Amino acid sequence: MNRRSDLSRRRLLWLTGGTVVASVLQAGCDAPSSGGGNATSFKGIDITGAEYARSLSLTDQNGQLRTLADFKGKVTVVFFGFTQCPDVCPTTMAELAQVKASLGKDGDRVQGVFVTVDPERDTMEVLKSYMGGFDPSFVALRGSPEEIAATAKEFKVFYAKVPGKTEGSYNVDHTAGSYVFDAQGKVRLFIRYGGGPEALAADLKALLAAG
């Protein structure tokens, strides 16, 4: 088995056997209601009350330090990726931009946040250009390798460099999913890659309606 296959296998094992799935098994598929005793059924994995994905402090594409508190009042979608990603990252960001636009005025209360796992190549200038290709309101975050590692650990996100075909080149394997925070800044959902824009739109609408 080559190194890339082994890394992919480890990533799959982490995603299917890790904390996110364990949280679903413990909490069930419905999120606690904000009142009235009813529950909201989400399309994504409900991780309400998770004791991870609670904090981050990184610099955005404009050089400004950002934390989760900056996004309170909006439903925020946080995704870890890198700009040279060939498929998962651009698909995820384009889908989020599409959903945000489809929500009309409510889309103004949706915030996309992209955290690079490749700070060596993803400079502020590169990130600014990349976000502009999807939605200029999206925020891209970066930090030192140590800061990115600490943030990924807090979010239980896996990533690892994979050597490319030419000397010095590399790809990055990483967790393919997004975290969704409600308007109070609490993590609520983990969205698996490939769920589709309709499912994401339904979940964002439910959280927006909850206020």
N, C-alpha and C. Protein backbone atom coordinates (compact mmCIF):
# COMPACT_ATOMS: atom_id res chain seq x y z
N MET A 1 0.86 -1.21 0.00
CA MET A 1 0.00 0.00 0.00
C MET A 1 0.88 1.23 0.00
N ASN A 2 0.63 2.19 -0.97
CA ASN A 2 1.45 3.40 -0.99
C ASN A 2 1.02 4.37 0.09
N ARG A 3 1.82 5.43 0.27
CA ARG A 3 1.57 6.35 1.38
C ARG A 3 0.25 7.07 1.23
N ARG A 4 -0.08 7.46 -0.02
CA ARG A 4 -1.33 8.19 -0.24
C ARG A 4 -2.54 7.32 0.11
N SER A 5 -2.50 6.06 -0.32
CA SER A 5 -3.61 5.16 -0.01
C SER A 5 -3.74 4.96 1.49
N ASP A 6 -2.58 4.86 2.16
CA ASP A 6 -2.62 4.66 3.61
C ASP A 6 -3.21 5.88 4.32
N LEU A 7 -2.82 7.09 3.85
CA LEU A 7 -3.36 8.30 4.45
C LEU A 7 -4.86 8.40 4.21
N SER A 8 -5.30 8.05 2.99
CA SER A 8 -6.73 8.10 2.69
C SER A 8 -7.50 7.11 3.56
N ARG A 9 -6.91 5.92 3.77
CA ARG A 9 -7.56 4.91 4.61
C ARG A 9 -7.67 5.41 6.04
N ARG A 10 -6.60 6.05 6.55
CA ARG A 10 -6.62 6.59 7.91
C ARG A 10 -7.66 7.69 8.04
N ARG A 11 -7.76 8.54 7.02
CA ARG A 11 -8.75 9.61 7.06
C ARG A 11 -10.16 9.04 7.10
N LEU A 12 -10.43 8.01 6.27
CA LEU A 12 -11.74 7.39 6.26
C LEU A 12 -12.07 6.77 7.60
N LEU A 13 -11.09 6.09 8.20
CA LEU A 13 -11.31 5.50 9.52
C LEU A 13 -11.61 6.56 10.55
N TRP A 14 -10.90 7.69 10.48
CA TRP A 14 -11.14 8.78 11.44
C TRP A 14 -12.55 9.31 11.29
N LEU A 15 -12.97 9.55 10.03
CA LEU A 15 -14.29 10.13 9.80
C LEU A 15 -15.41 9.20 10.21
N THR A 16 -15.24 7.89 10.00
CA THR A 16 -16.32 6.95 10.30
C THR A 16 -16.29 6.46 11.73
N GLY A 17 -15.13 6.57 12.39
CA GLY A 17 -15.05 6.03 13.74
C GLY A 17 -14.76 7.05 14.81
N GLY A 18 -14.68 8.34 14.41
CA GLY A 18 -14.25 9.36 15.35
C GLY A 18 -15.37 10.02 16.12
N THR A 19 -15.01 11.17 16.69
CA THR A 19 -15.88 11.85 17.63
C THR A 19 -17.17 12.33 16.99
N VAL A 20 -17.13 12.77 15.73
CA VAL A 20 -18.35 13.28 15.10
C VAL A 20 -19.43 12.23 15.08
N VAL A 21 -19.09 11.02 14.60
CA VAL A 21 -20.08 9.96 14.55
C VAL A 21 -20.49 9.53 15.95
N ALA A 22 -19.52 9.50 16.87
CA ALA A 22 -19.85 9.14 18.25
C ALA A 22 -20.86 10.11 18.83
N SER A 23 -20.73 11.39 18.50
CA SER A 23 -21.67 12.38 19.01
C SER A 23 -23.07 12.11 18.50
N VAL A 24 -23.19 11.68 17.24
CA VAL A 24 -24.50 11.39 16.68
C VAL A 24 -25.13 10.20 17.38
N LEU A 25 -24.32 9.19 17.65
CA LEU A 25 -24.84 8.01 18.32
C LEU A 25 -25.33 8.35 19.72
N GLN A 26 -24.65 9.28 20.37
CA GLN A 26 -25.04 9.65 21.72
C GLN A 26 -26.23 10.59 21.74
N ALA A 27 -26.26 11.52 20.76
CA ALA A 27 -27.28 12.57 20.81
C ALA A 27 -28.47 12.31 19.91
N GLY A 28 -28.37 11.32 19.00
CA GLY A 28 -29.47 11.08 18.07
C GLY A 28 -29.37 12.06 16.91
N CYS A 29 -30.36 12.03 16.03
CA CYS A 29 -30.30 12.84 14.82
C CYS A 29 -31.02 14.17 14.94
N ASP A 30 -31.71 14.43 16.03
CA ASP A 30 -32.48 15.66 16.17
C ASP A 30 -31.79 16.62 17.12
N ALA A 31 -31.83 17.89 16.77
CA ALA A 31 -31.25 18.92 17.63
C ALA A 31 -32.26 19.35 18.67
N PRO A 32 -31.80 19.72 19.88
CA PRO A 32 -32.72 20.22 20.88
C PRO A 32 -33.43 21.47 20.38
N SER A 33 -34.68 21.60 20.68
CA SER A 33 -35.45 22.76 20.27
C SER A 33 -35.12 23.94 21.17
N SER A 34 -35.33 25.14 20.63
CA SER A 34 -35.11 26.33 21.43
C SER A 34 -36.29 26.59 22.35
N GLY A 35 -37.34 25.80 22.19
CA GLY A 35 -38.50 25.97 23.06
C GLY A 35 -39.67 25.16 22.54
N GLY A 36 -40.65 24.94 23.40
CA GLY A 36 -41.87 24.28 22.98
C GLY A 36 -41.81 22.78 23.00
N GLY A 37 -40.63 22.20 23.31
CA GLY A 37 -40.55 20.76 23.43
C GLY A 37 -40.42 20.02 22.11
N ASN A 38 -40.38 20.75 20.98
CA ASN A 38 -40.24 20.10 19.69
C ASN A 38 -38.77 20.05 19.29
N ALA A 39 -38.45 19.20 18.33
CA ALA A 39 -37.08 19.08 17.87
C ALA A 39 -37.02 19.42 16.40
N THR A 40 -35.87 19.94 15.97
CA THR A 40 -35.66 20.25 14.57
C THR A 40 -34.86 19.12 13.93
N SER A 41 -35.33 18.60 12.82
CA SER A 41 -34.63 17.52 12.14
C SER A 41 -33.68 18.13 11.12
N PHE A 42 -32.40 17.84 11.28
CA PHE A 42 -31.39 18.37 10.37
C PHE A 42 -30.96 17.33 9.36
N LYS A 43 -30.49 17.78 8.21
CA LYS A 43 -29.94 16.88 7.20
C LYS A 43 -28.50 16.50 7.56
N GLY A 44 -27.76 17.47 8.14
CA GLY A 44 -26.39 17.21 8.55
C GLY A 44 -26.35 16.50 9.89
N ILE A 45 -25.14 16.20 10.36
CA ILE A 45 -24.96 15.51 11.64
C ILE A 45 -25.07 16.52 12.78
N ASP A 46 -26.03 16.30 13.66
CA ASP A 46 -26.25 17.20 14.79
C ASP A 46 -25.18 16.96 15.86
N ILE A 47 -24.35 17.97 16.11
CA ILE A 47 -23.31 17.87 17.14
C ILE A 47 -23.51 18.95 18.21
N THR A 48 -24.76 19.36 18.38
CA THR A 48 -25.08 20.36 19.40
C THR A 48 -24.51 19.95 20.75
N GLY A 49 -23.81 20.86 21.40
CA GLY A 49 -23.24 20.57 22.71
C GLY A 49 -21.86 19.94 22.66
N ALA A 50 -21.28 19.80 21.47
CA ALA A 50 -19.96 19.19 21.34
C ALA A 50 -18.92 19.98 22.13
N GLU A 51 -17.98 19.26 22.73
CA GLU A 51 -16.92 19.90 23.50
C GLU A 51 -15.66 20.07 22.66
N TYR A 52 -15.84 20.43 21.43
CA TYR A 52 -14.75 20.74 20.52
C TYR A 52 -15.28 21.75 19.50
N ALA A 53 -14.45 22.23 18.60
CA ALA A 53 -14.85 23.27 17.65
C ALA A 53 -15.44 24.47 18.38
N ARG A 54 -14.80 24.84 19.49
CA ARG A 54 -15.33 25.93 20.31
C ARG A 54 -14.57 27.24 20.17
N SER A 55 -13.38 27.19 19.58
CA SER A 55 -12.60 28.42 19.49
C SER A 55 -11.61 28.38 18.34
N LEU A 56 -11.31 29.54 17.82
CA LEU A 56 -10.21 29.71 16.86
C LEU A 56 -9.77 31.16 16.92
N SER A 57 -8.53 31.40 16.59
CA SER A 57 -7.97 32.75 16.57
C SER A 57 -6.89 32.78 15.49
N LEU A 58 -7.26 33.27 14.31
CA LEU A 58 -6.36 33.28 13.17
C LEU A 58 -6.52 34.59 12.40
N THR A 59 -5.62 34.84 11.47
CA THR A 59 -5.61 36.08 10.70
C THR A 59 -6.33 35.89 9.37
N ASP A 60 -7.18 36.88 9.01
CA ASP A 60 -7.92 36.76 7.77
C ASP A 60 -7.12 37.27 6.58
N GLN A 61 -7.72 37.25 5.40
CA GLN A 61 -7.02 37.61 4.16
C GLN A 61 -6.68 39.09 4.09
N ASN A 62 -7.22 39.87 5.02
CA ASN A 62 -6.91 41.30 5.08
C ASN A 62 -5.96 41.64 6.22
N GLY A 63 -5.43 40.61 6.89
CA GLY A 63 -4.48 40.83 7.97
C GLY A 63 -5.10 41.10 9.32
N GLN A 64 -6.42 40.89 9.43
CA GLN A 64 -7.12 41.16 10.68
C GLN A 64 -7.28 39.87 11.49
N LEU A 65 -7.00 39.94 12.79
CA LEU A 65 -7.18 38.80 13.67
C LEU A 65 -8.66 38.53 13.84
N ARG A 66 -9.07 37.27 13.67
CA ARG A 66 -10.48 36.90 13.78
C ARG A 66 -10.66 35.77 14.78
N THR A 67 -11.80 35.81 15.48
CA THR A 67 -12.22 34.72 16.36
C THR A 67 -13.66 34.39 16.04
N LEU A 68 -14.16 33.30 16.61
CA LEU A 68 -15.55 32.92 16.38
C LEU A 68 -16.52 33.99 16.84
N ALA A 69 -16.14 34.75 17.87
CA ALA A 69 -17.02 35.79 18.40
C ALA A 69 -17.34 36.85 17.36
N ASP A 70 -16.45 37.04 16.38
CA ASP A 70 -16.67 38.04 15.33
C ASP A 70 -17.87 37.70 14.46
N PHE A 71 -18.27 36.44 14.44
CA PHE A 71 -19.32 36.01 13.52
C PHE A 71 -20.67 35.79 14.21
N LYS A 72 -20.75 36.13 15.49
CA LYS A 72 -22.02 35.99 16.19
C LYS A 72 -23.08 36.87 15.53
N GLY A 73 -24.30 36.37 15.51
CA GLY A 73 -25.38 37.07 14.81
C GLY A 73 -25.61 36.50 13.43
N LYS A 74 -24.65 35.68 12.96
CA LYS A 74 -24.79 35.02 11.66
C LYS A 74 -24.67 33.50 11.83
N VAL A 75 -25.29 32.77 10.92
CA VAL A 75 -25.07 31.33 10.85
C VAL A 75 -23.78 31.15 10.06
N THR A 76 -22.79 30.54 10.68
CA THR A 76 -21.44 30.50 10.13
C THR A 76 -21.03 29.07 9.75
N VAL A 77 -20.49 28.94 8.56
CA VAL A 77 -20.03 27.64 8.05
C VAL A 77 -18.51 27.68 7.95
N VAL A 78 -17.84 26.81 8.70
CA VAL A 78 -16.38 26.77 8.75
C VAL A 78 -15.87 25.52 8.04
N PHE A 79 -14.98 25.72 7.07
CA PHE A 79 -14.43 24.61 6.28
C PHE A 79 -12.91 24.72 6.26
N PHE A 80 -12.23 23.59 6.46
CA PHE A 80 -10.77 23.52 6.40
C PHE A 80 -10.36 22.96 5.04
N GLY A 81 -9.49 23.69 4.33
CA GLY A 81 -9.05 23.22 3.02
C GLY A 81 -7.81 23.96 2.58
N PHE A 82 -7.56 23.98 1.27
CA PHE A 82 -6.40 24.71 0.73
C PHE A 82 -6.70 25.09 -0.72
N THR A 83 -6.11 26.18 -1.17
CA THR A 83 -6.51 26.75 -2.45
C THR A 83 -6.11 25.91 -3.66
N GLN A 84 -5.09 25.06 -3.52
CA GLN A 84 -4.69 24.22 -4.65
C GLN A 84 -5.41 22.87 -4.67
N CYS A 85 -6.38 22.72 -3.79
CA CYS A 85 -7.21 21.52 -3.75
C CYS A 85 -7.96 21.40 -5.09
N PRO A 86 -7.92 20.23 -5.74
CA PRO A 86 -8.49 20.12 -7.08
C PRO A 86 -10.01 19.94 -7.14
N ASP A 87 -10.62 19.47 -6.07
CA ASP A 87 -12.05 19.14 -6.19
C ASP A 87 -12.89 19.47 -4.96
N VAL A 88 -12.60 18.86 -3.82
CA VAL A 88 -13.44 19.01 -2.63
C VAL A 88 -13.58 20.46 -2.20
N CYS A 89 -12.47 21.18 -2.14
CA CYS A 89 -12.51 22.57 -1.63
C CYS A 89 -13.29 23.51 -2.54
N PRO A 90 -12.97 23.57 -3.84
CA PRO A 90 -13.74 24.48 -4.69
C PRO A 90 -15.21 24.09 -4.79
N THR A 91 -15.50 22.80 -4.77
CA THR A 91 -16.89 22.36 -4.82
C THR A 91 -17.64 22.80 -3.57
N THR A 92 -17.01 22.63 -2.41
CA THR A 92 -17.64 23.02 -1.14
C THR A 92 -17.90 24.52 -1.08
N MET A 93 -16.92 25.32 -1.46
CA MET A 93 -17.07 26.77 -1.39
C MET A 93 -18.07 27.28 -2.42
N ALA A 94 -18.06 26.71 -3.61
CA ALA A 94 -19.01 27.12 -4.65
C ALA A 94 -20.44 26.76 -4.22
N GLU A 95 -20.59 25.61 -3.60
CA GLU A 95 -21.91 25.18 -3.13
C GLU A 95 -22.42 26.12 -2.04
N LEU A 96 -21.54 26.50 -1.12
CA LEU A 96 -21.94 27.42 -0.05
C LEU A 96 -22.33 28.78 -0.63
N ALA A 97 -21.57 29.26 -1.60
CA ALA A 97 -21.89 30.54 -2.25
C ALA A 97 -23.24 30.45 -2.95
N GLN A 98 -23.50 29.32 -3.59
CA GLN A 98 -24.77 29.12 -4.28
C GLN A 98 -25.94 29.14 -3.30
N VAL A 99 -25.77 28.44 -2.20
CA VAL A 99 -26.83 28.38 -1.19
C VAL A 99 -27.06 29.76 -0.58
N LYS A 100 -25.99 30.45 -0.26
CA LYS A 100 -26.10 31.80 0.32
C LYS A 100 -26.90 32.70 -0.61
N ALA A 101 -26.57 32.67 -1.90
CA ALA A 101 -27.27 33.50 -2.88
C ALA A 101 -28.75 33.12 -2.99
N SER A 102 -29.04 31.82 -2.88
CA SER A 102 -30.42 31.34 -3.02
C SER A 102 -31.31 31.78 -1.87
N LEU A 103 -30.71 32.17 -0.76
CA LEU A 103 -31.48 32.56 0.42
C LEU A 103 -31.93 34.02 0.37
N GLY A 104 -31.54 34.74 -0.67
CA GLY A 104 -31.95 36.13 -0.81
C GLY A 104 -31.42 36.98 0.33
N LYS A 105 -32.29 37.81 0.90
CA LYS A 105 -31.87 38.71 1.97
C LYS A 105 -31.36 37.93 3.18
N ASP A 106 -31.95 36.76 3.44
CA ASP A 106 -31.48 35.94 4.57
C ASP A 106 -30.03 35.50 4.39
N GLY A 107 -29.58 35.48 3.15
CA GLY A 107 -28.20 35.09 2.88
C GLY A 107 -27.20 36.06 3.49
N ASP A 108 -27.64 37.29 3.77
CA ASP A 108 -26.76 38.26 4.41
C ASP A 108 -26.38 37.82 5.82
N ARG A 109 -27.16 36.88 6.39
CA ARG A 109 -26.88 36.39 7.74
C ARG A 109 -26.16 35.05 7.71
N VAL A 110 -25.58 34.70 6.57
CA VAL A 110 -24.78 33.48 6.44
C VAL A 110 -23.33 33.89 6.19
N GLN A 111 -22.42 33.34 6.99
CA GLN A 111 -21.00 33.67 6.86
C GLN A 111 -20.19 32.43 6.51
N GLY A 112 -19.47 32.49 5.40
CA GLY A 112 -18.56 31.42 5.04
C GLY A 112 -17.17 31.70 5.58
N VAL A 113 -16.54 30.70 6.18
CA VAL A 113 -15.18 30.83 6.73
C VAL A 113 -14.33 29.67 6.22
N PHE A 114 -13.24 30.01 5.53
CA PHE A 114 -12.32 29.02 4.97
C PHE A 114 -11.02 29.08 5.75
N VAL A 115 -10.62 27.96 6.36
CA VAL A 115 -9.37 27.90 7.12
C VAL A 115 -8.36 27.08 6.31
N THR A 116 -7.26 27.69 5.92
CA THR A 116 -6.29 26.95 5.12
C THR A 116 -5.47 25.99 5.98
N VAL A 117 -5.25 24.81 5.44
CA VAL A 117 -4.36 23.84 6.08
C VAL A 117 -3.02 23.81 5.34
N ASP A 118 -2.81 24.82 4.48
CA ASP A 118 -1.59 24.93 3.70
C ASP A 118 -1.07 26.37 3.75
N PRO A 119 -0.73 26.85 4.96
CA PRO A 119 -0.32 28.25 5.10
C PRO A 119 0.97 28.59 4.37
N GLU A 120 1.76 27.59 4.03
CA GLU A 120 3.01 27.85 3.32
C GLU A 120 2.75 28.45 1.94
N ARG A 121 1.74 27.92 1.24
CA ARG A 121 1.43 28.41 -0.10
C ARG A 121 0.27 29.40 -0.11
N ASP A 122 -0.63 29.28 0.87
CA ASP A 122 -1.81 30.14 0.90
C ASP A 122 -1.52 31.44 1.66
N THR A 123 -0.93 32.38 0.94
CA THR A 123 -0.65 33.69 1.51
C THR A 123 -1.95 34.50 1.60
N MET A 124 -1.89 35.67 2.24
CA MET A 124 -3.08 36.52 2.32
C MET A 124 -3.56 36.91 0.93
N GLU A 125 -2.63 37.20 0.02
CA GLU A 125 -2.99 37.60 -1.33
C GLU A 125 -3.66 36.46 -2.08
N VAL A 126 -3.14 35.26 -1.93
CA VAL A 126 -3.72 34.09 -2.58
C VAL A 126 -5.12 33.83 -2.04
N LEU A 127 -5.27 33.92 -0.73
CA LEU A 127 -6.58 33.67 -0.11
C LEU A 127 -7.60 34.72 -0.51
N LYS A 128 -7.17 35.97 -0.62
CA LYS A 128 -8.09 37.03 -1.02
C LYS A 128 -8.62 36.78 -2.43
N SER A 129 -7.73 36.41 -3.32
CA SER A 129 -8.14 36.11 -4.69
C SER A 129 -9.06 34.89 -4.74
N TYR A 130 -8.74 33.89 -3.95
CA TYR A 130 -9.52 32.65 -3.94
C TYR A 130 -10.94 32.91 -3.44
N MET A 131 -11.09 33.65 -2.36
CA MET A 131 -12.42 33.96 -1.83
C MET A 131 -13.22 34.79 -2.82
N GLY A 132 -12.54 35.71 -3.51
CA GLY A 132 -13.22 36.55 -4.48
C GLY A 132 -13.85 35.76 -5.61
N GLY A 133 -13.34 34.57 -5.86
CA GLY A 133 -13.90 33.72 -6.90
C GLY A 133 -15.19 33.04 -6.50
N PHE A 134 -15.51 33.09 -5.21
CA PHE A 134 -16.74 32.46 -4.71
C PHE A 134 -17.71 33.49 -4.17
N ASP A 135 -17.30 34.23 -3.16
CA ASP A 135 -18.13 35.28 -2.56
C ASP A 135 -17.19 36.20 -1.79
N PRO A 136 -17.11 37.46 -2.16
CA PRO A 136 -16.18 38.38 -1.49
C PRO A 136 -16.45 38.54 0.00
N SER A 137 -17.64 38.17 0.46
CA SER A 137 -17.95 38.29 1.89
C SER A 137 -17.37 37.14 2.70
N PHE A 138 -16.95 36.08 2.02
CA PHE A 138 -16.37 34.95 2.73
C PHE A 138 -15.03 35.35 3.35
N VAL A 139 -14.75 34.80 4.50
CA VAL A 139 -13.51 35.08 5.22
C VAL A 139 -12.57 33.88 5.10
N ALA A 140 -11.32 34.15 4.76
CA ALA A 140 -10.30 33.10 4.72
C ALA A 140 -9.31 33.34 5.85
N LEU A 141 -8.97 32.29 6.57
CA LEU A 141 -8.09 32.42 7.73
C LEU A 141 -6.81 31.61 7.55
N ARG A 142 -5.73 32.16 8.07
CA ARG A 142 -4.45 31.47 8.03
C ARG A 142 -3.67 31.80 9.30
N GLY A 143 -2.59 31.06 9.52
CA GLY A 143 -1.73 31.29 10.66
C GLY A 143 -0.43 30.55 10.45
N SER A 144 0.40 30.51 11.46
CA SER A 144 1.63 29.73 11.37
C SER A 144 1.27 28.25 11.32
N PRO A 145 2.19 27.39 10.87
CA PRO A 145 1.90 25.96 10.89
C PRO A 145 1.47 25.47 12.27
N GLU A 146 2.07 26.03 13.30
CA GLU A 146 1.73 25.62 14.66
C GLU A 146 0.31 26.07 15.03
N GLU A 147 -0.06 27.27 14.61
CA GLU A 147 -1.41 27.78 14.89
C GLU A 147 -2.47 26.99 14.13
N ILE A 148 -2.17 26.64 12.89
CA ILE A 148 -3.12 25.84 12.10
C ILE A 148 -3.27 24.46 12.72
N ALA A 149 -2.16 23.87 13.17
CA ALA A 149 -2.22 22.54 13.80
C ALA A 149 -3.08 22.58 15.06
N ALA A 150 -2.92 23.62 15.86
CA ALA A 150 -3.69 23.74 17.09
C ALA A 150 -5.17 23.93 16.80
N THR A 151 -5.49 24.72 15.78
CA THR A 151 -6.88 24.96 15.41
C THR A 151 -7.51 23.69 14.86
N ALA A 152 -6.78 22.98 14.02
CA ALA A 152 -7.30 21.72 13.47
C ALA A 152 -7.55 20.71 14.59
N LYS A 153 -6.67 20.68 15.57
CA LYS A 153 -6.86 19.78 16.71
C LYS A 153 -8.12 20.14 17.48
N GLU A 154 -8.36 21.43 17.68
CA GLU A 154 -9.55 21.89 18.38
C GLU A 154 -10.82 21.48 17.64
N PHE A 155 -10.76 21.45 16.31
CA PHE A 155 -11.91 21.08 15.49
C PHE A 155 -11.92 19.59 15.13
N LYS A 156 -10.93 18.87 15.59
CA LYS A 156 -10.78 17.45 15.27
C LYS A 156 -10.73 17.22 13.76
N VAL A 157 -9.98 18.08 13.10
CA VAL A 157 -9.79 18.00 11.66
C VAL A 157 -8.46 17.33 11.35
N PHE A 158 -8.49 16.36 10.46
CA PHE A 158 -7.29 15.65 10.02
C PHE A 158 -6.74 16.34 8.76
N TYR A 159 -5.42 16.49 8.68
CA TYR A 159 -4.79 16.91 7.43
C TYR A 159 -3.36 16.43 7.42
N ALA A 160 -2.83 16.17 6.24
CA ALA A 160 -1.46 15.70 6.11
C ALA A 160 -0.96 15.93 4.69
N LYS A 161 0.29 16.35 4.58
CA LYS A 161 0.90 16.53 3.27
C LYS A 161 1.12 15.17 2.60
N VAL A 162 0.93 15.15 1.28
CA VAL A 162 1.19 13.96 0.49
C VAL A 162 2.13 14.37 -0.65
N PRO A 163 3.32 13.77 -0.76
CA PRO A 163 4.27 14.16 -1.80
C PRO A 163 3.66 14.05 -3.19
N GLY A 164 3.99 15.04 -4.04
CA GLY A 164 3.50 15.04 -5.41
C GLY A 164 4.40 14.26 -6.34
N LYS A 165 4.13 14.38 -7.64
CA LYS A 165 4.88 13.61 -8.63
C LYS A 165 6.23 14.24 -8.94
N THR A 166 6.38 15.52 -8.66
CA THR A 166 7.65 16.19 -8.91
C THR A 166 8.29 16.58 -7.59
N GLU A 167 9.59 16.72 -7.60
CA GLU A 167 10.32 17.04 -6.37
C GLU A 167 9.86 18.37 -5.78
N GLY A 168 9.53 18.35 -4.51
CA GLY A 168 9.11 19.57 -3.82
C GLY A 168 7.63 19.86 -3.89
N SER A 169 6.90 19.16 -4.78
CA SER A 169 5.47 19.39 -4.89
C SER A 169 4.73 18.50 -3.88
N TYR A 170 3.53 18.90 -3.53
CA TYR A 170 2.74 18.10 -2.60
C TYR A 170 1.26 18.45 -2.70
N ASN A 171 0.45 17.52 -2.25
CA ASN A 171 -0.99 17.72 -2.09
C ASN A 171 -1.26 17.68 -0.60
N VAL A 172 -2.49 17.92 -0.18
CA VAL A 172 -2.84 17.84 1.23
C VAL A 172 -4.13 17.05 1.39
N ASP A 173 -4.05 15.92 2.04
CA ASP A 173 -5.26 15.19 2.41
C ASP A 173 -5.86 15.87 3.63
N HIS A 174 -7.18 15.98 3.66
CA HIS A 174 -7.81 16.66 4.80
C HIS A 174 -9.25 16.22 4.97
N THR A 175 -9.78 16.46 6.14
CA THR A 175 -11.18 16.14 6.43
C THR A 175 -12.08 16.90 5.47
N ALA A 176 -12.99 16.19 4.83
CA ALA A 176 -13.88 16.81 3.84
C ALA A 176 -15.26 17.03 4.45
N GLY A 177 -15.38 18.08 5.22
CA GLY A 177 -16.66 18.39 5.84
C GLY A 177 -16.64 19.77 6.43
N SER A 178 -17.81 20.30 6.75
CA SER A 178 -17.92 21.66 7.28
C SER A 178 -18.61 21.67 8.63
N TYR A 179 -18.25 22.64 9.45
CA TYR A 179 -18.90 22.85 10.74
C TYR A 179 -19.84 24.06 10.62
N VAL A 180 -21.04 23.92 11.16
CA VAL A 180 -22.01 25.01 11.11
C VAL A 180 -22.29 25.50 12.53
N PHE A 181 -22.19 26.81 12.71
CA PHE A 181 -22.45 27.46 14.00
C PHE A 181 -23.73 28.27 13.90
N ASP A 182 -24.52 28.28 14.97
CA ASP A 182 -25.74 29.08 14.97
C ASP A 182 -25.42 30.55 15.25
N ALA A 183 -26.44 31.38 15.26
CA ALA A 183 -26.24 32.82 15.42
C ALA A 183 -25.70 33.19 16.79
N GLN A 184 -25.81 32.27 17.76
CA GLN A 184 -25.24 32.51 19.10
C GLN A 184 -23.78 32.10 19.18
N GLY A 185 -23.24 31.57 18.09
CA GLY A 185 -21.84 31.17 18.07
C GLY A 185 -21.58 29.77 18.58
N LYS A 186 -22.63 28.95 18.69
CA LYS A 186 -22.50 27.57 19.18
C LYS A 186 -22.43 26.60 18.00
N VAL A 187 -21.51 25.65 18.06
CA VAL A 187 -21.42 24.67 16.99
C VAL A 187 -22.65 23.76 17.04
N ARG A 188 -23.26 23.53 15.86
CA ARG A 188 -24.50 22.77 15.81
C ARG A 188 -24.44 21.56 14.88
N LEU A 189 -23.74 21.70 13.75
CA LEU A 189 -23.80 20.64 12.75
C LEU A 189 -22.43 20.35 12.14
N PHE A 190 -22.26 19.09 11.72
CA PHE A 190 -21.14 18.72 10.86
C PHE A 190 -21.76 18.28 9.54
N ILE A 191 -21.37 18.94 8.45
CA ILE A 191 -21.92 18.64 7.13
C ILE A 191 -20.92 17.83 6.33
N ARG A 192 -21.27 16.60 6.02
CA ARG A 192 -20.38 15.77 5.21
C ARG A 192 -20.31 16.31 3.78
N TYR A 193 -19.16 16.14 3.17
CA TYR A 193 -18.99 16.52 1.77
C TYR A 193 -19.89 15.65 0.89
N GLY A 194 -20.53 16.27 -0.08
CA GLY A 194 -21.35 15.52 -1.02
C GLY A 194 -22.82 15.49 -0.70
N GLY A 195 -23.23 16.20 0.36
CA GLY A 195 -24.64 16.17 0.76
C GLY A 195 -25.55 16.94 -0.19
N GLY A 196 -24.98 17.89 -0.95
CA GLY A 196 -25.76 18.65 -1.91
C GLY A 196 -26.28 19.96 -1.37
N PRO A 197 -26.51 20.93 -2.26
CA PRO A 197 -26.95 22.26 -1.84
C PRO A 197 -28.34 22.30 -1.22
N GLU A 198 -29.23 21.41 -1.63
CA GLU A 198 -30.59 21.43 -1.09
C GLU A 198 -30.58 21.10 0.40
N ALA A 199 -29.81 20.09 0.79
CA ALA A 199 -29.73 19.69 2.19
C ALA A 199 -29.08 20.81 3.02
N LEU A 200 -28.02 21.41 2.49
CA LEU A 200 -27.35 22.49 3.21
C LEU A 200 -28.28 23.68 3.37
N ALA A 201 -29.01 24.03 2.31
CA ALA A 201 -29.95 25.15 2.38
C ALA A 201 -31.01 24.91 3.44
N ALA A 202 -31.52 23.69 3.52
CA ALA A 202 -32.55 23.37 4.50
C ALA A 202 -32.03 23.56 5.92
N ASP A 203 -30.81 23.12 6.17
CA ASP A 203 -30.23 23.25 7.51
C ASP A 203 -29.95 24.71 7.87
N LEU A 204 -29.44 25.47 6.90
CA LEU A 204 -29.16 26.87 7.18
C LEU A 204 -30.47 27.65 7.42
N LYS A 205 -31.50 27.33 6.66
CA LYS A 205 -32.79 27.99 6.86
C LYS A 205 -33.32 27.69 8.26
N ALA A 206 -33.17 26.45 8.72
CA ALA A 206 -33.67 26.08 10.05
C ALA A 206 -32.94 26.86 11.14
N LEU A 207 -31.63 27.00 10.99
CA LEU A 207 -30.86 27.74 12.00
C LEU A 207 -31.13 29.24 11.92
N LEU A 208 -31.33 29.76 10.72
CA LEU A 208 -31.65 31.17 10.58
C LEU A 208 -33.01 31.48 11.21
N ALA A 209 -33.95 30.57 11.05
CA ALA A 209 -35.29 30.76 11.60
C ALA A 209 -35.26 30.73 13.12
N ALA A 210 -34.31 29.95 13.68
CA ALA A 210 -34.22 29.85 15.13
C ALA A 210 -33.65 31.13 15.74
N GLY A 211 -32.98 31.92 14.91
CA GLY A 211 -32.44 33.19 15.39
C GLY A 211 -31.12 33.07 16.09
